[in-house]
């Protein structure tokens, strides 16, 4: 499952690829809890075991993709 996070004052977004068996509803709750206070930190662990921390006060949006979505390869037209 792919998660993309927009961050204030940055043109780039943070992209985290979670394990395929990640619980979508639990993830949405975790994100909602983190966003409930701008002093919180959203912690995510990618499928390689790396941890990513994003201060909630800097998050502009969070997009949760499907683990089943096909990913483009090469130069698409």
N, C-alpha and C. Protein backbone atom coordinates (compact mmCIF):
# COMPACT_ATOMS: atom_id res chain seq x y z
N UNK A 1 0.85 -1.16 0.00
CA UNK A 1 0.00 0.00 0.00
C UNK A 1 0.90 1.24 0.00
N UNK A 2 0.61 2.17 -0.86
CA UNK A 2 1.39 3.40 -0.98
C UNK A 2 0.72 4.53 -0.21
N UNK A 3 1.52 5.31 0.50
CA UNK A 3 1.03 6.49 1.21
C UNK A 3 1.87 7.67 0.75
N UNK A 4 1.19 8.73 0.32
CA UNK A 4 1.88 9.96 -0.09
C UNK A 4 1.45 11.06 0.85
N UNK A 5 2.43 11.84 1.33
CA UNK A 5 2.17 12.88 2.31
C UNK A 5 2.70 14.20 1.78
N UNK A 6 1.82 15.18 1.68
CA UNK A 6 2.23 16.52 1.30
C UNK A 6 2.69 17.27 2.53
N UNK A 7 3.76 18.04 2.38
CA UNK A 7 4.35 18.76 3.50
C UNK A 7 4.39 20.25 3.17
N UNK A 8 4.03 21.09 4.15
CA UNK A 8 4.05 22.55 3.97
C UNK A 8 5.42 23.02 3.53
N UNK A 9 5.44 24.00 2.65
CA UNK A 9 6.65 24.67 2.19
C UNK A 9 7.60 23.75 1.43
N UNK A 10 7.08 22.66 0.88
CA UNK A 10 7.92 21.75 0.10
C UNK A 10 7.16 21.34 -1.16
N UNK A 11 7.83 21.43 -2.29
CA UNK A 11 7.21 21.02 -3.55
C UNK A 11 7.18 19.50 -3.67
N UNK A 12 8.05 18.81 -2.95
CA UNK A 12 8.09 17.35 -3.00
C UNK A 12 7.19 16.77 -1.92
N UNK A 13 6.71 15.58 -2.18
CA UNK A 13 5.91 14.88 -1.18
C UNK A 13 6.70 13.68 -0.66
N UNK A 14 6.29 13.21 0.50
CA UNK A 14 6.91 12.03 1.09
C UNK A 14 6.12 10.83 0.62
N UNK A 15 6.81 9.83 0.10
CA UNK A 15 6.15 8.62 -0.38
C UNK A 15 6.67 7.44 0.43
N UNK A 16 5.74 6.69 1.02
CA UNK A 16 6.09 5.53 1.84
C UNK A 16 5.33 4.33 1.31
N UNK A 17 6.04 3.26 1.03
CA UNK A 17 5.40 2.02 0.57
C UNK A 17 5.29 1.08 1.76
N UNK A 18 4.06 0.88 2.22
CA UNK A 18 3.80 0.01 3.36
C UNK A 18 3.69 -1.44 2.91
N UNK A 19 3.72 -2.34 3.87
CA UNK A 19 3.56 -3.76 3.57
C UNK A 19 2.21 -3.99 2.89
N UNK A 20 2.15 -4.97 2.00
CA UNK A 20 0.92 -5.26 1.27
C UNK A 20 -0.23 -5.66 2.18
N UNK A 21 0.10 -6.20 3.34
CA UNK A 21 -0.96 -6.65 4.25
C UNK A 21 -1.32 -5.60 5.30
N UNK A 22 -0.90 -4.35 5.10
CA UNK A 22 -1.21 -3.27 6.04
C UNK A 22 -2.72 -3.08 6.12
N UNK A 23 -3.22 -2.85 7.32
CA UNK A 23 -4.66 -2.66 7.56
C UNK A 23 -5.02 -1.21 7.24
N UNK A 24 -5.80 -1.02 6.18
CA UNK A 24 -6.16 0.31 5.69
C UNK A 24 -6.93 1.11 6.75
N UNK A 25 -7.88 0.50 7.42
CA UNK A 25 -8.68 1.21 8.42
C UNK A 25 -7.84 1.59 9.63
N UNK A 26 -6.94 0.72 10.06
CA UNK A 26 -6.05 1.03 11.18
C UNK A 26 -5.11 2.18 10.80
N UNK A 27 -4.66 2.19 9.55
CA UNK A 27 -3.80 3.27 9.07
C UNK A 27 -4.54 4.60 9.07
N UNK A 28 -5.79 4.60 8.61
CA UNK A 28 -6.59 5.82 8.60
C UNK A 28 -6.79 6.35 10.02
N UNK A 29 -7.01 5.46 10.98
CA UNK A 29 -7.16 5.86 12.38
C UNK A 29 -5.86 6.45 12.90
N UNK A 30 -4.73 5.81 12.58
CA UNK A 30 -3.42 6.28 13.02
C UNK A 30 -3.15 7.68 12.47
N UNK A 31 -3.49 7.90 11.21
CA UNK A 31 -3.29 9.21 10.59
C UNK A 31 -4.20 10.24 11.25
N UNK A 32 -5.46 9.88 11.45
CA UNK A 32 -6.42 10.78 12.09
C UNK A 32 -5.99 11.16 13.49
N UNK A 33 -5.50 10.19 14.26
CA UNK A 33 -5.02 10.46 15.61
C UNK A 33 -3.84 11.42 15.59
N UNK A 34 -2.91 11.21 14.65
CA UNK A 34 -1.74 12.08 14.56
C UNK A 34 -2.14 13.50 14.18
N UNK A 35 -3.13 13.63 13.31
CA UNK A 35 -3.54 14.95 12.84
C UNK A 35 -4.44 15.69 13.82
N UNK A 36 -4.83 15.04 14.90
CA UNK A 36 -5.73 15.67 15.87
C UNK A 36 -5.05 16.81 16.63
N UNK A 37 -3.73 16.83 16.65
CA UNK A 37 -2.99 17.90 17.33
C UNK A 37 -1.72 18.17 16.53
N UNK A 38 -1.46 19.42 16.22
CA UNK A 38 -0.31 19.73 15.38
C UNK A 38 1.03 19.45 16.05
N UNK A 39 1.03 19.19 17.34
CA UNK A 39 2.27 18.83 18.03
C UNK A 39 2.58 17.34 17.94
N UNK A 40 1.63 16.55 17.42
CA UNK A 40 1.85 15.11 17.27
C UNK A 40 2.81 14.81 16.11
N UNK A 41 3.26 13.58 16.07
CA UNK A 41 4.13 13.11 14.99
C UNK A 41 3.49 11.85 14.39
N UNK A 42 3.41 11.83 13.07
CA UNK A 42 2.92 10.64 12.36
C UNK A 42 4.11 9.74 12.08
N UNK A 43 4.09 8.53 12.64
CA UNK A 43 5.15 7.55 12.40
C UNK A 43 4.61 6.46 11.50
N UNK A 44 5.33 6.15 10.43
CA UNK A 44 4.98 5.05 9.53
C UNK A 44 6.22 4.19 9.34
N UNK A 45 6.01 2.88 9.20
CA UNK A 45 7.11 1.95 8.92
C UNK A 45 6.90 1.39 7.52
N UNK A 46 7.91 1.54 6.66
CA UNK A 46 7.76 1.03 5.30
C UNK A 46 8.00 -0.47 5.26
N UNK A 47 7.82 -1.05 4.09
CA UNK A 47 7.89 -2.50 3.98
C UNK A 47 9.32 -3.03 4.11
N UNK A 48 10.31 -2.15 4.15
CA UNK A 48 11.69 -2.57 4.37
C UNK A 48 12.11 -2.42 5.83
N UNK A 49 11.18 -1.95 6.66
CA UNK A 49 11.46 -1.81 8.08
C UNK A 49 11.98 -0.44 8.49
N UNK A 50 12.05 0.50 7.55
CA UNK A 50 12.49 1.85 7.89
C UNK A 50 11.33 2.63 8.48
N UNK A 51 11.63 3.47 9.47
CA UNK A 51 10.61 4.31 10.10
C UNK A 51 10.70 5.72 9.55
N UNK A 52 9.53 6.31 9.30
CA UNK A 52 9.44 7.67 8.79
C UNK A 52 8.58 8.47 9.76
N UNK A 53 9.07 9.63 10.16
CA UNK A 53 8.34 10.51 11.07
C UNK A 53 8.04 11.82 10.37
N UNK A 54 6.79 12.28 10.48
CA UNK A 54 6.40 13.56 9.90
C UNK A 54 5.64 14.34 10.97
N UNK A 55 6.08 15.55 11.29
CA UNK A 55 5.35 16.36 12.27
C UNK A 55 3.95 16.69 11.73
N UNK A 56 2.94 16.43 12.53
CA UNK A 56 1.55 16.63 12.09
C UNK A 56 1.28 18.07 11.68
N UNK A 57 1.93 19.01 12.32
CA UNK A 57 1.72 20.42 12.00
C UNK A 57 2.23 20.81 10.62
N UNK A 58 3.02 19.97 9.99
CA UNK A 58 3.58 20.26 8.67
C UNK A 58 2.86 19.50 7.55
N UNK A 59 1.92 18.64 7.88
CA UNK A 59 1.22 17.82 6.89
C UNK A 59 0.10 18.64 6.24
N UNK A 60 0.08 18.65 4.91
CA UNK A 60 -1.00 19.34 4.19
C UNK A 60 -2.03 18.35 3.65
N UNK A 61 -1.61 17.14 3.30
CA UNK A 61 -2.55 16.11 2.86
C UNK A 61 -1.89 14.74 3.00
N UNK A 62 -2.75 13.72 3.07
CA UNK A 62 -2.28 12.33 3.07
C UNK A 62 -3.13 11.57 2.07
N UNK A 63 -2.49 10.89 1.15
CA UNK A 63 -3.18 10.09 0.13
C UNK A 63 -2.80 8.63 0.34
N UNK A 64 -3.81 7.79 0.51
CA UNK A 64 -3.58 6.36 0.69
C UNK A 64 -3.95 5.66 -0.60
N UNK A 65 -2.97 5.01 -1.21
CA UNK A 65 -3.21 4.28 -2.45
C UNK A 65 -3.55 2.83 -2.17
N UNK A 66 -3.94 2.15 -3.20
CA UNK A 66 -4.29 0.74 -3.10
C UNK A 66 -3.05 -0.12 -3.28
N UNK A 67 -3.01 -1.23 -2.58
CA UNK A 67 -1.90 -2.17 -2.76
C UNK A 67 -2.06 -2.92 -4.08
N UNK A 68 -3.25 -2.87 -4.68
CA UNK A 68 -3.53 -3.58 -5.91
C UNK A 68 -3.33 -2.72 -7.16
N UNK A 69 -3.06 -1.45 -6.94
CA UNK A 69 -2.94 -0.54 -8.09
C UNK A 69 -1.72 -0.89 -8.92
N UNK A 70 -1.90 -0.89 -10.23
CA UNK A 70 -0.76 -1.17 -11.10
C UNK A 70 0.15 0.04 -11.14
N UNK A 71 1.44 -0.19 -11.17
CA UNK A 71 2.41 0.90 -11.19
C UNK A 71 2.98 1.00 -12.59
N UNK A 72 3.01 2.23 -13.14
CA UNK A 72 3.57 2.38 -14.48
C UNK A 72 5.06 2.09 -14.49
N UNK A 73 5.51 1.52 -15.58
CA UNK A 73 6.93 1.20 -15.74
C UNK A 73 7.42 1.86 -17.02
N UNK A 74 8.59 2.48 -16.95
CA UNK A 74 9.16 3.10 -18.14
C UNK A 74 8.56 4.46 -18.43
N UNK A 75 8.60 4.82 -19.69
CA UNK A 75 8.14 6.13 -20.11
C UNK A 75 6.75 5.99 -20.72
N UNK A 76 5.73 6.32 -19.93
CA UNK A 76 4.34 6.24 -20.41
C UNK A 76 3.97 7.44 -21.24
N UNK A 77 3.00 7.27 -22.10
CA UNK A 77 2.64 8.37 -22.99
C UNK A 77 1.45 9.08 -22.59
